[in-house]
Amino acid sequence: MAWEWRFERADGSVTEPAAAPGDFGTQGDAESWIGETWQELLEQGVDQVTLLEDGTEVYGPMNLHAAQE
């Protein structure tokens, strides 16, 4: 199984930040990574993320701006 994040702008359009990691082996690894890098992603123009497992949406979009509040 491959876990990955889809990076989006506020309007839902897909963007690819410089810090894009590729696939993760587990959901926990993917969630840990986003917890560590969400501020950098915001600086790179990412507003929200969606978690995918083998291309299928698991949850999201998750607003990264809400983490600032």
PDB file of N, CA and C in Angstrom:
ATOM      1  N   MET A   1       0.830  -1.186   0.000  1.00  0.00           N
ATOM      2  CA  MET A   1       0.000   0.000   0.000  1.00  0.00           C
ATOM      3  C   MET A   1       0.872   1.247   0.000  1.00  0.00           C
ATOM      4  N   ALA A   2       0.447   2.239  -0.744  1.00  0.00           N
ATOM      5  CA  ALA A   2       1.162   3.505  -0.802  1.00  0.00           C
ATOM      6  C   ALA A   2       0.256   4.618  -0.279  1.00  0.00           C
ATOM      7  N   TRP A   3       0.770   5.359   0.649  1.00  0.00           N
ATOM      8  CA  TRP A   3       0.062   6.496   1.216  1.00  0.00           C
ATOM      9  C   TRP A   3       0.739   7.765   0.716  1.00  0.00           C
ATOM     10  N   GLU A   4      -0.066   8.739   0.292  1.00  0.00           N
ATOM     11  CA  GLU A   4       0.504   9.993  -0.187  1.00  0.00           C
ATOM     12  C   GLU A   4      -0.453  11.148   0.072  1.00  0.00           C
ATOM     13  N   TRP A   5       0.108  12.334   0.050  1.00  0.00           N
ATOM     14  CA  TRP A   5      -0.677  13.557   0.217  1.00  0.00           C
ATOM     15  C   TRP A   5      -0.874  14.211  -1.131  1.00  0.00           C
ATOM     16  N   ARG A   6      -2.081  14.728  -1.353  1.00  0.00           N
ATOM     17  CA  ARG A   6      -2.337  15.593  -2.503  1.00  0.00           C
ATOM     18  C   ARG A   6      -2.336  17.009  -1.946  1.00  0.00           C
ATOM     19  N   PHE A   7      -1.554  17.870  -2.544  1.00  0.00           N
ATOM     20  CA  PHE A   7      -1.390  19.243  -2.073  1.00  0.00           C
ATOM     21  C   PHE A   7      -2.240  20.168  -2.926  1.00  0.00           C
ATOM     22  N   GLU A   8      -3.026  21.028  -2.263  1.00  0.00           N
ATOM     23  CA  GLU A   8      -3.984  21.862  -2.985  1.00  0.00           C
ATOM     24  C   GLU A   8      -3.937  23.314  -2.525  1.00  0.00           C
ATOM     25  N   ARG A   9      -4.374  24.171  -3.414  1.00  0.00           N
ATOM     26  CA  ARG A   9      -4.606  25.577  -3.064  1.00  0.00           C
ATOM     27  C   ARG A   9      -6.025  25.669  -2.500  1.00  0.00           C
ATOM     28  N   ALA A  10      -6.395  26.831  -2.000  1.00  0.00           N
ATOM     29  CA  ALA A  10      -7.712  27.017  -1.387  1.00  0.00           C
ATOM     30  C   ALA A  10      -8.851  26.714  -2.366  1.00  0.00           C
ATOM     31  N   ASP A  11      -8.631  26.952  -3.657  1.00  0.00           N
ATOM     32  CA  ASP A  11      -9.682  26.713  -4.649  1.00  0.00           C
ATOM     33  C   ASP A  11      -9.773  25.248  -5.083  1.00  0.00           C
ATOM     34  N   GLY A  12      -8.931  24.392  -4.496  1.00  0.00           N
ATOM     35  CA  GLY A  12      -8.955  22.971  -4.820  1.00  0.00           C
ATOM     36  C   GLY A  12      -8.013  22.556  -5.931  1.00  0.00           C
ATOM     37  N   SER A  13      -7.352  23.530  -6.566  1.00  0.00           N
ATOM     38  CA  SER A  13      -6.405  23.171  -7.616  1.00  0.00           C
ATOM     39  C   SER A  13      -5.164  22.529  -6.994  1.00  0.00           C
ATOM     40  N   VAL A  14      -4.622  21.561  -7.704  1.00  0.00           N
ATOM     41  CA  VAL A  14      -3.475  20.798  -7.200  1.00  0.00           C
ATOM     42  C   VAL A  14      -2.195  21.587  -7.431  1.00  0.00           C
ATOM     43  N   THR A  15      -1.315  21.555  -6.437  1.00  0.00           N
ATOM     44  CA  THR A  15      -0.007  22.189  -6.533  1.00  0.00           C
ATOM     45  C   THR A  15       1.039  21.202  -6.034  1.00  0.00           C
ATOM     46  N   GLU A  16       2.274  21.393  -6.393  1.00  0.00           N
ATOM     47  CA  GLU A  16       3.344  20.486  -5.962  1.00  0.00           C
ATOM     48  C   GLU A  16       4.430  21.308  -5.270  1.00  0.00           C
ATOM     49  N   PRO A  17       4.490  21.241  -3.951  1.00  0.00           N
ATOM     50  CA  PRO A  17       5.501  22.007  -3.225  1.00  0.00           C
ATOM     51  C   PRO A  17       6.895  21.409  -3.380  1.00  0.00           C
ATOM     52  N   ALA A  18       7.909  22.226  -3.092  1.00  0.00           N
ATOM     53  CA  ALA A  18       9.295  21.750  -3.159  1.00  0.00           C
ATOM     54  C   ALA A  18       9.539  20.626  -2.165  1.00  0.00           C
ATOM     55  N   ALA A  19       8.785  20.620  -1.054  1.00  0.00           N
ATOM     56  CA  ALA A  19       8.996  19.638   0.008  1.00  0.00           C
ATOM     57  C   ALA A  19       8.188  18.360  -0.187  1.00  0.00           C
ATOM     58  N   ALA A  20       7.644  18.138  -1.375  1.00  0.00           N
ATOM     59  CA  ALA A  20       6.810  16.953  -1.601  1.00  0.00           C
ATOM     60  C   ALA A  20       7.646  15.678  -1.418  1.00  0.00           C
ATOM     61  N   PRO A  21       7.219  14.781  -0.524  1.00  0.00           N
ATOM     62  CA  PRO A  21       8.025  13.621  -0.171  1.00  0.00           C
ATOM     63  C   PRO A  21       7.816  12.371  -1.019  1.00  0.00           C
ATOM     64  N   GLY A  22       6.739  12.291  -1.778  1.00  0.00           N
ATOM     65  CA  GLY A  22       6.423  11.042  -2.466  1.00  0.00           C
ATOM     66  C   GLY A  22       5.552  10.166  -1.590  1.00  0.00           C
ATOM     67  N   ASP A  23       5.697   8.863  -1.715  1.00  0.00           N
ATOM     68  CA  ASP A  23       4.848   7.907  -0.997  1.00  0.00           C
ATOM     69  C   ASP A  23       5.401   7.561   0.379  1.00  0.00           C
ATOM     70  N   PHE A  24       4.476   7.170   1.255  1.00  0.00           N
ATOM     71  CA  PHE A  24       4.814   6.698   2.599  1.00  0.00           C
ATOM     72  C   PHE A  24       4.378   5.245   2.717  1.00  0.00           C
ATOM     73  N   GLY A  25       5.022   4.503   3.603  1.00  0.00           N
ATOM     74  CA  GLY A  25       4.694   3.098   3.801  1.00  0.00           C
ATOM     75  C   GLY A  25       3.458   2.871   4.651  1.00  0.00           C
ATOM     76  N   THR A  26       3.167   3.827   5.549  1.00  0.00           N
ATOM     77  CA  THR A  26       2.012   3.677   6.435  1.00  0.00           C
ATOM     78  C   THR A  26       1.269   5.009   6.559  1.00  0.00           C
ATOM     79  N   GLN A  27       0.029   4.925   6.988  1.00  0.00           N
ATOM     80  CA  GLN A  27      -0.758   6.121   7.238  1.00  0.00           C
ATOM     81  C   GLN A  27      -0.103   6.945   8.346  1.00  0.00           C
ATOM     82  N   GLY A  28       0.395   6.282   9.370  1.00  0.00           N
ATOM     83  CA  GLY A  28       1.043   6.977  10.478  1.00  0.00           C
ATOM     84  C   GLY A  28       2.264   7.763  10.035  1.00  0.00           C
ATOM     85  N   ASP A  29       3.053   7.202   9.127  1.00  0.00           N
ATOM     86  CA  ASP A  29       4.216   7.916   8.603  1.00  0.00           C
ATOM     87  C   ASP A  29       3.790   9.173   7.852  1.00  0.00           C
ATOM     88  N   ALA A  30       2.744   9.046   7.046  1.00  0.00           N
ATOM     89  CA  ALA A  30       2.245  10.193   6.288  1.00  0.00           C
ATOM     90  C   ALA A  30       1.726  11.275   7.226  1.00  0.00           C
ATOM     91  N   GLU A  31       0.989  10.886   8.251  1.00  0.00           N
ATOM     92  CA  GLU A  31       0.427  11.854   9.186  1.00  0.00           C
ATOM     93  C   GLU A  31       1.511  12.505  10.039  1.00  0.00           C
ATOM     94  N   SER A  32       2.528  11.747  10.408  1.00  0.00           N
ATOM     95  CA  SER A  32       3.646  12.331  11.161  1.00  0.00           C
ATOM     96  C   SER A  32       4.368  13.371  10.323  1.00  0.00           C
ATOM     97  N   TRP A  33       4.593  13.052   9.044  1.00  0.00           N
ATOM     98  CA  TRP A  33       5.285  13.979   8.159  1.00  0.00           C
ATOM     99  C   TRP A  33       4.508  15.289   8.011  1.00  0.00           C
ATOM    100  N   ILE A  34       3.192  15.197   7.821  1.00  0.00           N
ATOM    101  CA  ILE A  34       2.413  16.422   7.642  1.00  0.00           C
ATOM    102  C   ILE A  34       2.427  17.240   8.930  1.00  0.00           C
ATOM    103  N   GLY A  35       2.439  16.566  10.072  1.00  0.00           N
ATOM    104  CA  GLY A  35       2.504  17.263  11.346  1.00  0.00           C
ATOM    105  C   GLY A  35       3.803  18.016  11.543  1.00  0.00           C
ATOM    106  N   GLU A  36       4.860  17.541  10.928  1.00  0.00           N
ATOM    107  CA  GLU A  36       6.168  18.176  11.046  1.00  0.00           C
ATOM    108  C   GLU A  36       6.407  19.261  10.002  1.00  0.00           C
ATOM    109  N   THR A  37       5.701  19.215   8.877  1.00  0.00           N
ATOM    110  CA  THR A  37       6.035  20.108   7.760  1.00  0.00           C
ATOM    111  C   THR A  37       4.917  21.050   7.328  1.00  0.00           C
ATOM    112  N   TRP A  38       3.766  21.049   8.009  1.00  0.00           N
ATOM    113  CA  TRP A  38       2.637  21.845   7.533  1.00  0.00           C
ATOM    114  C   TRP A  38       2.970  23.330   7.415  1.00  0.00           C
ATOM    115  N   GLN A  39       3.799  23.868   8.299  1.00  0.00           N
ATOM    116  CA  GLN A  39       4.140  25.293   8.222  1.00  0.00           C
ATOM    117  C   GLN A  39       4.961  25.594   6.972  1.00  0.00           C
ATOM    118  N   GLU A  40       5.899  24.727   6.631  1.00  0.00           N
ATOM    119  CA  GLU A  40       6.679  24.898   5.411  1.00  0.00           C
ATOM    120  C   GLU A  40       5.784  24.824   4.179  1.00  0.00           C
ATOM    121  N   LEU A  41       4.824  23.922   4.217  1.00  0.00           N
ATOM    122  CA  LEU A  41       3.901  23.793   3.090  1.00  0.00           C
ATOM    123  C   LEU A  41       3.090  25.065   2.905  1.00  0.00           C
ATOM    124  N   LEU A  42       2.631  25.661   4.003  1.00  0.00           N
ATOM    125  CA  LEU A  42       1.902  26.926   3.907  1.00  0.00           C
ATOM    126  C   LEU A  42       2.760  27.991   3.238  1.00  0.00           C
ATOM    127  N   GLU A  43       4.026  28.060   3.628  1.00  0.00           N
ATOM    128  CA  GLU A  43       4.948  29.041   3.053  1.00  0.00           C
ATOM    129  C   GLU A  43       5.149  28.815   1.554  1.00  0.00           C
ATOM    130  N   GLN A  44       4.953  27.588   1.108  1.00  0.00           N
ATOM    131  CA  GLN A  44       5.119  27.247  -0.307  1.00  0.00           C
ATOM    132  C   GLN A  44       3.814  27.341  -1.093  1.00  0.00           C
ATOM    133  N   GLY A  45       2.757  27.853  -0.453  1.00  0.00           N
ATOM    134  CA  GLY A  45       1.502  28.075  -1.166  1.00  0.00           C
ATOM    135  C   GLY A  45       0.487  26.963  -1.085  1.00  0.00           C
ATOM    136  N   VAL A  46       0.722  25.978  -0.226  1.00  0.00           N
ATOM    137  CA  VAL A  46      -0.251  24.894  -0.042  1.00  0.00           C
ATOM    138  C   VAL A  46      -1.246  25.328   1.027  1.00  0.00           C
ATOM    139  N   ASP A  47      -2.543  25.280   0.719  1.00  0.00           N
ATOM    140  CA  ASP A  47      -3.586  25.673   1.665  1.00  0.00           C
ATOM    141  C   ASP A  47      -4.247  24.485   2.342  1.00  0.00           C
ATOM    142  N   GLN A  48      -4.296  23.356   1.641  1.00  0.00           N
ATOM    143  CA  GLN A  48      -4.991  22.182   2.178  1.00  0.00           C
ATOM    144  C   GLN A  48      -4.381  20.922   1.589  1.00  0.00           C
ATOM    145  N   VAL A  49      -4.593  19.810   2.286  1.00  0.00           N
ATOM    146  CA  VAL A  49      -4.064  18.520   1.833  1.00  0.00           C
ATOM    147  C   VAL A  49      -5.141  17.442   1.950  1.00  0.00           C
ATOM    148  N   THR A  50      -5.023  16.437   1.106  1.00  0.00           N
ATOM    149  CA  THR A  50      -5.913  15.279   1.150  1.00  0.00           C
ATOM    150  C   THR A  50      -5.036  14.039   1.198  1.00  0.00           C
ATOM    151  N   LEU A  51      -5.360  13.111   2.102  1.00  0.00           N
ATOM    152  CA  LEU A  51      -4.596  11.870   2.224  1.00  0.00           C
ATOM    153  C   LEU A  51      -5.188  10.820   1.294  1.00  0.00           C
ATOM    154  N   LEU A  52      -4.307  10.161   0.534  1.00  0.00           N
ATOM    155  CA  LEU A  52      -4.702   9.120  -0.413  1.00  0.00           C
ATOM    156  C   LEU A  52      -4.020   7.802  -0.064  1.00  0.00           C
ATOM    157  N   GLU A  53      -4.752   6.714  -0.217  1.00  0.00           N
ATOM    158  CA  GLU A  53      -4.179   5.375  -0.098  1.00  0.00           C
ATOM    159  C   GLU A  53      -4.355   4.685  -1.446  1.00  0.00           C
ATOM    160  N   ASP A  54      -3.255   4.393  -2.100  1.00  0.00           N
ATOM    161  CA  ASP A  54      -3.292   3.790  -3.438  1.00  0.00           C
ATOM    162  C   ASP A  54      -4.211   4.554  -4.381  1.00  0.00           C
ATOM    163  N   GLY A  55      -4.179   5.889  -4.292  1.00  0.00           N
ATOM    164  CA  GLY A  55      -4.953   6.739  -5.182  1.00  0.00           C
ATOM    165  C   GLY A  55      -6.385   7.008  -4.753  1.00  0.00           C
ATOM    166  N   THR A  56      -6.840   6.381  -3.674  1.00  0.00           N
ATOM    167  CA  THR A  56      -8.201   6.571  -3.176  1.00  0.00           C
ATOM    168  C   THR A  56      -8.183   7.536  -1.989  1.00  0.00           C
ATOM    169  N   GLU A  57      -9.071   8.529  -2.011  1.00  0.00           N
ATOM    170  CA  GLU A  57      -9.130   9.496  -0.917  1.00  0.00           C
ATOM    171  C   GLU A  57      -9.522   8.817   0.386  1.00  0.00           C
ATOM    172  N   VAL A  58      -8.738   9.066   1.438  1.00  0.00           N
ATOM    173  CA  VAL A  58      -9.032   8.547   2.766  1.00  0.00           C
ATOM    174  C   VAL A  58      -9.716   9.637   3.576  1.00  0.00           C
ATOM    175  N   TYR A  59      -9.146  10.830   3.571  1.00  0.00           N
ATOM    176  CA  TYR A  59      -9.806  11.992   4.172  1.00  0.00           C
ATOM    177  C   TYR A  59      -9.199  13.269   3.629  1.00  0.00           C
ATOM    178  N   GLY A  60      -9.962  14.333   3.798  1.00  0.00           N
ATOM    179  CA  GLY A  60      -9.537  15.648   3.335  1.00  0.00           C
ATOM    180  C   GLY A  60     -10.595  16.234   2.428  1.00  0.00           C
ATOM    181  N   PRO A  61     -10.401  17.436   2.006  1.00  0.00           N
ATOM    182  CA  PRO A  61      -9.202  18.218   2.260  1.00  0.00           C
ATOM    183  C   PRO A  61      -9.131  18.725   3.707  1.00  0.00           C
ATOM    184  N   MET A  62      -7.909  18.784   4.215  1.00  0.00           N
ATOM    185  CA  MET A  62      -7.639  19.265   5.562  1.00  0.00           C
ATOM    186  C   MET A  62      -6.962  20.632   5.424  1.00  0.00           C
ATOM    187  N   ASN A  63      -7.594  21.643   5.986  1.00  0.00           N
ATOM    188  CA  ASN A  63      -7.124  23.018   5.893  1.00  0.00           C
ATOM    189  C   ASN A  63      -5.886  23.209   6.775  1.00  0.00           C
ATOM    190  N   LEU A  64      -4.769  23.569   6.180  1.00  0.00           N
ATOM    191  CA  LEU A  64      -3.539  23.782   6.944  1.00  0.00           C
ATOM    192  C   LEU A  64      -3.573  25.102   7.720  1.00  0.00           C
ATOM    193  N   HIS A  65      -4.365  26.059   7.265  1.00  0.00           N
ATOM    194  CA  HIS A  65      -4.469  27.337   7.975  1.00  0.00           C
ATOM    195  C   HIS A  65      -5.119  27.147   9.356  1.00  0.00           C
ATOM    196  N   ALA A  66      -5.984  26.156   9.473  1.00  0.00           N
ATOM    197  CA  ALA A  66      -6.657  25.900  10.761  1.00  0.00           C
ATOM    198  C   ALA A  66      -5.661  25.475  11.835  1.00  0.00           C
ATOM    199  N   ALA A  67      -4.532  24.891  11.424  1.00  0.00           N
ATOM    200  CA  ALA A  67      -3.517  24.461  12.382  1.00  0.00           C
ATOM    201  C   ALA A  67      -2.824  25.656  13.035  1.00  0.00           C
ATOM    202  N   GLN A  68      -2.887  26.817  12.377  1.00  0.00           N
ATOM    203  CA  GLN A  68      -2.259  28.030  12.918  1.00  0.00           C
ATOM    204  C   GLN A  68      -3.076  28.631  14.050  1.00  0.00           C
ATOM    205  N   GLU A  69      -4.357  28.374  14.040  1.00  0.00           N
ATOM    206  CA  GLU A  69      -5.267  29.034  15.000  1.00  0.00           C
ATOM    207  C   GLU A  69      -5.252  28.385  16.350  1.00  0.00           C
TER     208      GLU A  69
END
